[in-house]
């Protein structure tokens, strides 16, 4: 009996995020289908870090992600325009600071 009774063509889609070095953020690198989180993690390791590109992998079920619609960006982000204090223009960042 198979460890994954779900037919392969019904496996859920997982979004894969890799952190390339400590202190950096995870970046979306792609998607894959897998029967469960452990399989998604192992497959992501095999597919997306073949050359030791990462120190950490996140796998997230695509069904758990809610995204804004790019066509609605003007209306969606409009309230941020009048909040200039949220923009980092008021701060001086020293040249020696990396990965900010």
PDB file of N, CA and C in Angstrom:
ATOM      1  N   UNK A   1       0.839  -1.188   0.000  1.00  0.00           N
ATOM      2  CA  UNK A   1       0.000   0.000   0.000  1.00  0.00           C
ATOM      3  C   UNK A   1       0.878   1.243   0.000  1.00  0.00           C
ATOM      4  N   UNK A   2       0.533   2.232  -0.796  1.00  0.00           N
ATOM      5  CA  UNK A   2       1.301   3.461  -0.937  1.00  0.00           C
ATOM      6  C   UNK A   2       1.176   4.324   0.321  1.00  0.00           C
ATOM      7  N   UNK A   3       2.278   5.023   0.655  1.00  0.00           N
ATOM      8  CA  UNK A   3       2.262   5.933   1.800  1.00  0.00           C
ATOM      9  C   UNK A   3       1.408   7.161   1.511  1.00  0.00           C
ATOM     10  N   UNK A   4       1.225   7.488   0.240  1.00  0.00           N
ATOM     11  CA  UNK A   4       0.426   8.640  -0.169  1.00  0.00           C
ATOM     12  C   UNK A   4      -0.745   8.145  -1.011  1.00  0.00           C
ATOM     13  N   UNK A   5      -1.905   7.885  -0.386  1.00  0.00           N
ATOM     14  CA  UNK A   5      -3.029   7.312  -1.112  1.00  0.00           C
ATOM     15  C   UNK A   5      -3.663   8.262  -2.134  1.00  0.00           C
ATOM     16  N   UNK A   6      -3.353   9.556  -2.068  1.00  0.00           N
ATOM     17  CA  UNK A   6      -3.924  10.512  -3.005  1.00  0.00           C
ATOM     18  C   UNK A   6      -3.277  10.311  -4.380  1.00  0.00           C
ATOM     19  N   UNK A   7      -4.081  10.240  -5.433  1.00  0.00           N
ATOM     20  CA  UNK A   7      -3.501  10.118  -6.777  1.00  0.00           C
ATOM     21  C   UNK A   7      -2.588  11.298  -7.086  1.00  0.00           C
ATOM     22  N   UNK A   8      -1.490  11.033  -7.752  1.00  0.00           N
ATOM     23  CA  UNK A   8      -0.481  12.044  -8.030  1.00  0.00           C
ATOM     24  C   UNK A   8      -1.049  13.281  -8.734  1.00  0.00           C
ATOM     25  N   UNK A   9      -2.011  13.092  -9.618  1.00  0.00           N
ATOM     26  CA  UNK A   9      -2.566  14.237 -10.341  1.00  0.00           C
ATOM     27  C   UNK A   9      -3.499  15.090  -9.477  1.00  0.00           C
ATOM     28  N   UNK A  10      -3.721  14.682  -8.220  1.00  0.00           N
ATOM     29  CA  UNK A  10      -4.539  15.465  -7.288  1.00  0.00           C
ATOM     30  C   UNK A  10      -3.716  16.081  -6.158  1.00  0.00           C
ATOM     31  N   UNK A  11      -2.388  15.927  -6.192  1.00  0.00           N
ATOM     32  CA  UNK A  11      -1.548  16.506  -5.144  1.00  0.00           C
ATOM     33  C   UNK A  11      -1.689  18.024  -5.142  1.00  0.00           C
ATOM     34  N   UNK A  12      -1.728  18.626  -3.956  1.00  0.00           N
ATOM     35  CA  UNK A  12      -1.866  20.083  -3.886  1.00  0.00           C
ATOM     36  C   UNK A  12      -0.610  20.812  -4.366  1.00  0.00           C
ATOM     37  N   UNK A  13      -0.799  22.067  -4.729  1.00  0.00           N
ATOM     38  CA  UNK A  13       0.295  22.924  -5.175  1.00  0.00           C
ATOM     39  C   UNK A  13       0.919  23.603  -3.962  1.00  0.00           C
ATOM     40  N   UNK A  14       2.235  23.651  -3.913  1.00  0.00           N
ATOM     41  CA  UNK A  14       2.988  24.286  -2.827  1.00  0.00           C
ATOM     42  C   UNK A  14       3.849  25.396  -3.405  1.00  0.00           C
ATOM     43  N   UNK A  15       3.913  26.519  -2.714  1.00  0.00           N
ATOM     44  CA  UNK A  15       4.790  27.623  -3.097  1.00  0.00           C
ATOM     45  C   UNK A  15       6.067  27.502  -2.281  1.00  0.00           C
ATOM     46  N   UNK A  16       7.203  27.702  -2.937  1.00  0.00           N
ATOM     47  CA  UNK A  16       8.501  27.449  -2.321  1.00  0.00           C
ATOM     48  C   UNK A  16       9.263  28.763  -2.136  1.00  0.00           C
ATOM     49  N   UNK A  17       9.794  28.949  -0.926  1.00  0.00           N
ATOM     50  CA  UNK A  17      10.578  30.136  -0.579  1.00  0.00           C
ATOM     51  C   UNK A  17      11.925  29.668  -0.031  1.00  0.00           C
ATOM     52  N   UNK A  18      13.009  30.284  -0.498  1.00  0.00           N
ATOM     53  CA  UNK A  18      14.363  29.920  -0.076  1.00  0.00           C
ATOM     54  C   UNK A  18      15.040  31.141   0.534  1.00  0.00           C
ATOM     55  N   UNK A  19      15.734  30.923   1.637  1.00  0.00           N
ATOM     56  CA  UNK A  19      16.596  31.966   2.213  1.00  0.00           C
ATOM     57  C   UNK A  19      18.024  31.586   1.870  1.00  0.00           C
ATOM     58  N   UNK A  20      18.713  32.436   1.126  1.00  0.00           N
ATOM     59  CA  UNK A  20      20.038  32.083   0.631  1.00  0.00           C
ATOM     60  C   UNK A  20      21.141  32.199   1.674  1.00  0.00           C
ATOM     61  N   UNK A  21      20.997  33.135   2.613  1.00  0.00           N
ATOM     62  CA  UNK A  21      21.977  33.293   3.685  1.00  0.00           C
ATOM     63  C   UNK A  21      21.275  33.739   4.951  1.00  0.00           C
ATOM     64  N   UNK A  22      21.899  33.470   6.084  1.00  0.00           N
ATOM     65  CA  UNK A  22      21.347  33.949   7.351  1.00  0.00           C
ATOM     66  C   UNK A  22      21.255  35.467   7.328  1.00  0.00           C
ATOM     67  N   UNK A  23      20.171  35.995   7.854  1.00  0.00           N
ATOM     68  CA  UNK A  23      19.981  37.437   7.904  1.00  0.00           C
ATOM     69  C   UNK A  23      19.228  37.995   6.717  1.00  0.00           C
ATOM     70  N   UNK A  24      19.087  37.219   5.650  1.00  0.00           N
ATOM     71  CA  UNK A  24      18.331  37.676   4.486  1.00  0.00           C
ATOM     72  C   UNK A  24      16.911  37.139   4.568  1.00  0.00           C
ATOM     73  N   UNK A  25      16.032  37.692   3.752  1.00  0.00           N
ATOM     74  CA  UNK A  25      14.650  37.226   3.739  1.00  0.00           C
ATOM     75  C   UNK A  25      14.484  36.047   2.781  1.00  0.00           C
ATOM     76  N   UNK A  26      13.420  35.312   2.968  1.00  0.00           N
ATOM     77  CA  UNK A  26      13.091  34.214   2.067  1.00  0.00           C
ATOM     78  C   UNK A  26      12.552  34.809   0.768  1.00  0.00           C
ATOM     79  N   UNK A  27      12.925  34.231  -0.349  1.00  0.00           N
ATOM     80  CA  UNK A  27      12.463  34.675  -1.668  1.00  0.00           C
ATOM     81  C   UNK A  27      11.673  33.554  -2.326  1.00  0.00           C
ATOM     82  N   UNK A  28      10.608  33.922  -3.000  1.00  0.00           N
ATOM     83  CA  UNK A  28       9.822  32.933  -3.730  1.00  0.00           C
ATOM     84  C   UNK A  28      10.644  32.456  -4.920  1.00  0.00           C
ATOM     85  N   UNK A  29      10.787  31.134  -5.052  1.00  0.00           N
ATOM     86  CA  UNK A  29      11.600  30.583  -6.141  1.00  0.00           C
ATOM     87  C   UNK A  29      10.787  29.738  -7.106  1.00  0.00           C
ATOM     88  N   UNK A  30       9.576  29.354  -6.724  1.00  0.00           N
ATOM     89  CA  UNK A  30       8.766  28.549  -7.622  1.00  0.00           C
ATOM     90  C   UNK A  30       7.680  27.786  -6.900  1.00  0.00           C
ATOM     91  N   UNK A  31       7.116  26.815  -7.617  1.00  0.00           N
ATOM     92  CA  UNK A  31       6.002  26.017  -7.112  1.00  0.00           C
ATOM     93  C   UNK A  31       6.230  24.562  -7.470  1.00  0.00           C
ATOM     94  N   UNK A  32       5.589  23.680  -6.717  1.00  0.00           N
ATOM     95  CA  UNK A  32       5.606  22.263  -7.060  1.00  0.00           C
ATOM     96  C   UNK A  32       4.413  21.573  -6.436  1.00  0.00           C
ATOM     97  N   UNK A  33       4.074  20.413  -6.971  1.00  0.00           N
ATOM     98  CA  UNK A  33       2.999  19.601  -6.421  1.00  0.00           C
ATOM     99  C   UNK A  33       3.610  18.528  -5.530  1.00  0.00           C
ATOM    100  N   UNK A  34       2.989  18.284  -4.385  1.00  0.00           N
ATOM    101  CA  UNK A  34       3.438  17.244  -3.463  1.00  0.00           C
ATOM    102  C   UNK A  34       2.249  16.791  -2.626  1.00  0.00           C
ATOM    103  N   UNK A  35       2.326  15.557  -2.143  1.00  0.00           N
ATOM    104  CA  UNK A  35       1.223  14.978  -1.381  1.00  0.00           C
ATOM    105  C   UNK A  35       1.060  15.610   0.001  1.00  0.00           C
ATOM    106  N   UNK A  36       2.185  16.044   0.617  1.00  0.00           N
ATOM    107  CA  UNK A  36       2.128  16.634   1.947  1.00  0.00           C
ATOM    108  C   UNK A  36       3.311  17.578   2.140  1.00  0.00           C
ATOM    109  N   UNK A  37       3.361  18.230   3.299  1.00  0.00           N
ATOM    110  CA  UNK A  37       4.389  19.232   3.563  1.00  0.00           C
ATOM    111  C   UNK A  37       5.792  18.632   3.566  1.00  0.00           C
ATOM    112  N   UNK A  38       5.952  17.470   4.143  1.00  0.00           N
ATOM    113  CA  UNK A  38       7.277  16.844   4.189  1.00  0.00           C
ATOM    114  C   UNK A  38       7.779  16.516   2.785  1.00  0.00           C
ATOM    115  N   UNK A  39       6.908  15.979   1.959  1.00  0.00           N
ATOM    116  CA  UNK A  39       7.292  15.681   0.582  1.00  0.00           C
ATOM    117  C   UNK A  39       7.611  16.978  -0.167  1.00  0.00           C
ATOM    118  N   UNK A  40       6.830  18.021   0.063  1.00  0.00           N
ATOM    119  CA  UNK A  40       7.081  19.310  -0.584  1.00  0.00           C
ATOM    120  C   UNK A  40       8.441  19.864  -0.170  1.00  0.00           C
ATOM    121  N   UNK A  41       8.765  19.737   1.112  1.00  0.00           N
ATOM    122  CA  UNK A  41      10.048  20.217   1.616  1.00  0.00           C
ATOM    123  C   UNK A  41      11.212  19.458   0.977  1.00  0.00           C
ATOM    124  N   UNK A  42      11.100  18.144   0.932  1.00  0.00           N
ATOM    125  CA  UNK A  42      12.168  17.333   0.342  1.00  0.00           C
ATOM    126  C   UNK A  42      12.298  17.573  -1.158  1.00  0.00           C
ATOM    127  N   UNK A  43      11.168  17.678  -1.852  1.00  0.00           N
ATOM    128  CA  UNK A  43      11.223  17.950  -3.286  1.00  0.00           C
ATOM    129  C   UNK A  43      11.776  19.350  -3.562  1.00  0.00           C
ATOM    130  N   UNK A  44      11.411  20.317  -2.733  1.00  0.00           N
ATOM    131  CA  UNK A  44      11.932  21.673  -2.893  1.00  0.00           C
ATOM    132  C   UNK A  44      13.442  21.683  -2.705  1.00  0.00           C
ATOM    133  N   UNK A  45      13.925  20.951  -1.725  1.00  0.00           N
ATOM    134  CA  UNK A  45      15.371  20.844  -1.516  1.00  0.00           C
ATOM    135  C   UNK A  45      16.050  20.286  -2.760  1.00  0.00           C
ATOM    136  N   UNK A  46      15.478  19.216  -3.308  1.00  0.00           N
ATOM    137  CA  UNK A  46      16.076  18.570  -4.474  1.00  0.00           C
ATOM    138  C   UNK A  46      15.999  19.434  -5.730  1.00  0.00           C
ATOM    139  N   UNK A  47      14.903  20.152  -5.898  1.00  0.00           N
ATOM    140  CA  UNK A  47      14.703  20.930  -7.122  1.00  0.00           C
ATOM    141  C   UNK A  47      15.360  22.302  -7.060  1.00  0.00           C
ATOM    142  N   UNK A  48      15.233  23.000  -5.921  1.00  0.00           N
ATOM    143  CA  UNK A  48      15.633  24.401  -5.862  1.00  0.00           C
ATOM    144  C   UNK A  48      16.953  24.677  -5.157  1.00  0.00           C
ATOM    145  N   UNK A  49      17.580  23.680  -4.547  1.00  0.00           N
ATOM    146  CA  UNK A  49      18.864  23.936  -3.858  1.00  0.00           C
ATOM    147  C   UNK A  49      19.917  22.911  -4.259  1.00  0.00           C
ATOM    148  N   UNK A  50      19.949  22.552  -5.515  1.00  0.00           N
ATOM    149  CA  UNK A  50      20.907  21.546  -5.980  1.00  0.00           C
ATOM    150  C   UNK A  50      22.350  21.997  -5.826  1.00  0.00           C
ATOM    151  N   UNK A  51      22.586  23.282  -5.825  1.00  0.00           N
ATOM    152  CA  UNK A  51      23.951  23.803  -5.715  1.00  0.00           C
ATOM    153  C   UNK A  51      24.177  24.467  -4.356  1.00  0.00           C
ATOM    154  N   UNK A  52      23.489  23.999  -3.350  1.00  0.00           N
ATOM    155  CA  UNK A  52      23.614  24.519  -1.983  1.00  0.00           C
ATOM    156  C   UNK A  52      23.292  26.006  -1.897  1.00  0.00           C
ATOM    157  N   UNK A  53      22.251  26.449  -2.633  1.00  0.00           N
ATOM    158  CA  UNK A  53      21.887  27.856  -2.660  1.00  0.00           C
ATOM    159  C   UNK A  53      21.221  28.359  -1.386  1.00  0.00           C
ATOM    160  N   UNK A  54      20.732  27.497  -0.537  1.00  0.00           N
ATOM    161  CA  UNK A  54      19.938  27.978   0.579  1.00  0.00           C
ATOM    162  C   UNK A  54      20.360  27.470   1.935  1.00  0.00           C
ATOM    163  N   UNK A  55      19.902  28.199   2.961  1.00  0.00           N
ATOM    164  CA  UNK A  55      20.099  27.766   4.344  1.00  0.00           C
ATOM    165  C   UNK A  55      18.759  27.439   5.007  1.00  0.00           C
ATOM    166  N   UNK A  56      17.650  27.819   4.341  1.00  0.00           N
ATOM    167  CA  UNK A  56      16.328  27.580   4.908  1.00  0.00           C
ATOM    168  C   UNK A  56      15.307  27.514   3.784  1.00  0.00           C
ATOM    169  N   UNK A  57      14.342  26.616   3.924  1.00  0.00           N
ATOM    170  CA  UNK A  57      13.280  26.464   2.929  1.00  0.00           C
ATOM    171  C   UNK A  57      11.933  26.558   3.629  1.00  0.00           C
ATOM    172  N   UNK A  58      11.038  27.322   3.048  1.00  0.00           N
ATOM    173  CA  UNK A  58       9.641  27.347   3.481  1.00  0.00           C
ATOM    174  C   UNK A  58       8.802  26.730   2.374  1.00  0.00           C
ATOM    175  N   UNK A  59       7.865  25.888   2.727  1.00  0.00           N
ATOM    176  CA  UNK A  59       6.863  25.389   1.784  1.00  0.00           C
ATOM    177  C   UNK A  59       5.500  25.800   2.315  1.00  0.00           C
ATOM    178  N   UNK A  60       4.698  26.408   1.454  1.00  0.00           N
ATOM    179  CA  UNK A  60       3.398  26.942   1.854  1.00  0.00           C
ATOM    180  C   UNK A  60       2.349  26.435   0.873  1.00  0.00           C
ATOM    181  N   UNK A  61       1.255  25.839   1.385  1.00  0.00           N
ATOM    182  CA  UNK A  61       0.210  25.426   0.446  1.00  0.00           C
ATOM    183  C   UNK A  61      -0.307  26.649  -0.314  1.00  0.00           C
ATOM    184  N   UNK A  62      -0.343  26.555  -1.621  1.00  0.00           N
ATOM    185  CA  UNK A  62      -0.812  27.674  -2.433  1.00  0.00           C
ATOM    186  C   UNK A  62      -2.226  28.083  -2.026  1.00  0.00           C
ATOM    187  N   UNK A  63      -3.023  27.136  -1.579  1.00  0.00           N
ATOM    188  CA  UNK A  63      -4.399  27.437  -1.176  1.00  0.00           C
ATOM    189  C   UNK A  63      -4.459  28.308   0.081  1.00  0.00           C
ATOM    190  N   UNK A  64      -3.339  28.416   0.823  1.00  0.00           N
ATOM    191  CA  UNK A  64      -3.311  29.216   2.045  1.00  0.00           C
ATOM    192  C   UNK A  64      -2.905  30.664   1.782  1.00  0.00           C
ATOM    193  N   UNK A  65      -2.588  30.986   0.541  1.00  0.00           N
ATOM    194  CA  UNK A  65      -2.128  32.328   0.202  1.00  0.00           C
ATOM    195  C   UNK A  65      -3.284  33.146  -0.366  1.00  0.00           C
ATOM    196  N   UNK A  66      -3.462  34.328   0.186  1.00  0.00           N
ATOM    197  CA  UNK A  66      -4.441  35.275  -0.327  1.00  0.00           C
ATOM    198  C   UNK A  66      -3.651  36.444  -0.892  1.00  0.00           C
ATOM    199  N   UNK A  67      -3.925  36.814  -2.117  1.00  0.00           N
ATOM    200  CA  UNK A  67      -3.156  37.861  -2.779  1.00  0.00           C
ATOM    201  C   UNK A  67      -4.078  38.958  -3.304  1.00  0.00           C
ATOM    202  N   UNK A  68      -3.517  40.156  -3.383  1.00  0.00           N
ATOM    203  CA  UNK A  68      -4.261  41.253  -3.993  1.00  0.00           C
ATOM    204  C   UNK A  68      -4.247  41.070  -5.510  1.00  0.00           C
ATOM    205  N   UNK A  69      -5.168  41.742  -6.169  1.00  0.00           N
ATOM    206  CA  UNK A  69      -5.264  41.678  -7.622  1.00  0.00           C
ATOM    207  C   UNK A  69      -4.417  42.796  -8.218  1.00  0.00           C
ATOM    208  N   UNK A  70      -3.423  42.473  -9.067  1.00  0.00           N
ATOM    209  CA  UNK A  70      -2.582  43.524  -9.656  1.00  0.00           C
ATOM    210  C   UNK A  70      -3.381  44.576 -10.430  1.00  0.00           C
ATOM    211  N   UNK A  71      -4.522  44.209 -10.981  1.00  0.00           N
ATOM    212  CA  UNK A  71      -5.346  45.169 -11.708  1.00  0.00           C
ATOM    213  C   UNK A  71      -5.964  46.223 -10.795  1.00  0.00           C
ATOM    214  N   UNK A  72      -6.033  45.925  -9.494  1.00  0.00           N
ATOM    215  CA  UNK A  72      -6.626  46.846  -8.521  1.00  0.00           C
ATOM    216  C   UNK A  72      -5.576  47.629  -7.741  1.00  0.00           C
ATOM    217  N   UNK A  73      -4.326  47.646  -8.220  1.00  0.00           N
ATOM    218  CA  UNK A  73      -3.251  48.223  -7.413  1.00  0.00           C
ATOM    219  C   UNK A  73      -3.452  49.697  -7.090  1.00  0.00           C
ATOM    220  N   UNK A  74      -3.970  50.484  -8.026  1.00  0.00           N
ATOM    221  CA  UNK A  74      -4.143  51.916  -7.747  1.00  0.00           C
ATOM    222  C   UNK A  74      -5.092  52.148  -6.578  1.00  0.00           C
ATOM    223  N   UNK A  75      -6.240  51.532  -6.607  1.00  0.00           N
ATOM    224  CA  UNK A  75      -7.212  51.698  -5.524  1.00  0.00           C
ATOM    225  C   UNK A  75      -6.738  51.026  -4.236  1.00  0.00           C
ATOM    226  N   UNK A  76      -6.069  49.893  -4.363  1.00  0.00           N
ATOM    227  CA  UNK A  76      -5.644  49.146  -3.183  1.00  0.00           C
ATOM    228  C   UNK A  76      -4.558  49.895  -2.401  1.00  0.00           C
ATOM    229  N   UNK A  77      -3.606  50.506  -3.113  1.00  0.00           N
ATOM    230  CA  UNK A  77      -2.486  51.175  -2.456  1.00  0.00           C
ATOM    231  C   UNK A  77      -2.692  52.678  -2.280  1.00  0.00           C
ATOM    232  N   UNK A  78      -3.768  53.228  -2.780  1.00  0.00           N
ATOM    233  CA  UNK A  78      -4.018  54.658  -2.711  1.00  0.00           C
ATOM    234  C   UNK A  78      -3.908  55.223  -1.294  1.00  0.00           C
ATOM    235  N   UNK A  79      -4.435  54.592  -0.260  1.00  0.00           N
ATOM    236  CA  UNK A  79      -4.339  55.173   1.089  1.00  0.00           C
ATOM    237  C   UNK A  79      -2.903  55.378   1.572  1.00  0.00           C
ATOM    238  N   UNK A  80      -1.940  54.660   1.036  1.00  0.00           N
ATOM    239  CA  UNK A  80      -0.552  54.798   1.480  1.00  0.00           C
ATOM    240  C   UNK A  80       0.098  56.079   0.976  1.00  0.00           C
ATOM    241  N   UNK A  81      -0.418  56.657  -0.090  1.00  0.00           N
ATOM    242  CA  UNK A  81       0.176  57.861  -0.674  1.00  0.00           C
ATOM    243  C   UNK A  81       0.182  59.046   0.279  1.00  0.00           C
ATOM    244  N   UNK A  82      -0.810  59.147   1.154  1.00  0.00           N
ATOM    245  CA  UNK A  82      -0.864  60.304   2.051  1.00  0.00           C
ATOM    246  C   UNK A  82      -0.184  60.032   3.394  1.00  0.00           C
ATOM    247  N   UNK A  83       0.584  58.981   3.482  1.00  0.00           N
ATOM    248  CA  UNK A  83       1.289  58.647   4.720  1.00  0.00           C
ATOM    249  C   UNK A  83       2.792  58.645   4.450  1.00  0.00           C
ATOM    250  N   UNK A  84       3.336  59.829   4.179  1.00  0.00           N
ATOM    251  CA  UNK A  84       4.749  59.933   3.805  1.00  0.00           C
ATOM    252  C   UNK A  84       5.686  59.460   4.908  1.00  0.00           C
ATOM    253  N   UNK A  85       5.225  59.485   6.150  1.00  0.00           N
ATOM    254  CA  UNK A  85       6.066  59.038   7.255  1.00  0.00           C
ATOM    255  C   UNK A  85       6.395  57.553   7.158  1.00  0.00           C
ATOM    256  N   UNK A  86       5.673  56.820   6.324  1.00  0.00           N
ATOM    257  CA  UNK A  86       5.951  55.393   6.144  1.00  0.00           C
ATOM    258  C   UNK A  86       7.080  55.143   5.146  1.00  0.00           C
ATOM    259  N   UNK A  87       7.459  56.155   4.404  1.00  0.00           N
ATOM    260  CA  UNK A  87       8.521  55.992   3.425  1.00  0.00           C
ATOM    261  C   UNK A  87       9.871  56.234   4.089  1.00  0.00           C
ATOM    262  N   UNK A  88      10.876  55.457   3.754  1.00  0.00           N
ATOM    263  CA  UNK A  88      12.175  55.562   4.441  1.00  0.00           C
ATOM    264  C   UNK A  88      13.045  56.712   3.946  1.00  0.00           C
ATOM    265  N   UNK A  89      12.441  57.806   3.544  1.00  0.00           N
ATOM    266  CA  UNK A  89      13.211  58.936   3.029  1.00  0.00           C
ATOM    267  C   UNK A  89      13.782  59.802   4.141  1.00  0.00           C
ATOM    268  N   UNK A  90      13.358  59.595   5.371  1.00  0.00           N
ATOM    269  CA  UNK A  90      13.794  60.423   6.479  1.00  0.00           C
ATOM    270  C   UNK A  90      15.006  59.848   7.211  1.00  0.00           C
ATOM    271  N   UNK A  91      15.504  58.713   6.767  1.00  0.00           N
ATOM    272  CA  UNK A  91      16.566  58.021   7.480  1.00  0.00           C
ATOM    273  C   UNK A  91      17.850  57.982   6.659  1.00  0.00           C
ATOM    274  N   UNK A  92      18.960  58.180   7.333  1.00  0.00           N
ATOM    275  CA  UNK A  92      20.264  58.034   6.690  1.00  0.00           C
ATOM    276  C   UNK A  92      20.772  56.628   7.001  1.00  0.00           C
ATOM    277  N   UNK A  93      21.106  55.870   5.971  1.00  0.00           N
ATOM    278  CA  UNK A  93      21.649  54.529   6.153  1.00  0.00           C
ATOM    279  C   UNK A  93      23.135  54.575   5.823  1.00  0.00           C
ATOM    280  N   UNK A  94      23.991  54.215   6.785  1.00  0.00           N
ATOM    281  CA  UNK A  94      25.434  54.229   6.526  1.00  0.00           C
ATOM    282  C   UNK A  94      25.797  53.293   5.373  1.00  0.00           C
ATOM    283  N   UNK A  95      26.814  53.645   4.612  1.00  0.00           N
ATOM    284  CA  UNK A  95      27.237  52.850   3.455  1.00  0.00           C
ATOM    285  C   UNK A  95      27.667  51.436   3.845  1.00  0.00           C
ATOM    286  N   UNK A  96      28.164  51.257   5.054  1.00  0.00           N
ATOM    287  CA  UNK A  96      28.658  49.939   5.453  1.00  0.00           C
ATOM    288  C   UNK A  96      27.536  48.958   5.847  1.00  0.00           C
ATOM    289  N   UNK A  97      26.292  49.418   5.913  1.00  0.00           N
ATOM    290  CA  UNK A  97      25.178  48.544   6.234  1.00  0.00           C
ATOM    291  C   UNK A  97      24.811  47.733   4.993  1.00  0.00           C
ATOM    292  N   UNK A  98      24.826  46.421   5.137  1.00  0.00           N
ATOM    293  CA  UNK A  98      24.486  45.532   4.034  1.00  0.00           C
ATOM    294  C   UNK A  98      23.143  44.859   4.282  1.00  0.00           C
ATOM    295  N   UNK A  99      22.500  44.441   3.228  1.00  0.00           N
ATOM    296  CA  UNK A  99      21.274  43.625   3.290  1.00  0.00           C
ATOM    297  C   UNK A  99      20.140  44.287   4.049  1.00  0.00           C
ATOM    298  N   UNK A 100      19.951  45.558   3.834  1.00  0.00           N
ATOM    299  CA  UNK A 100      18.856  46.248   4.498  1.00  0.00           C
ATOM    300  C   UNK A 100      17.674  46.328   3.582  1.00  0.00           C
TER     301      UNK A 100
END
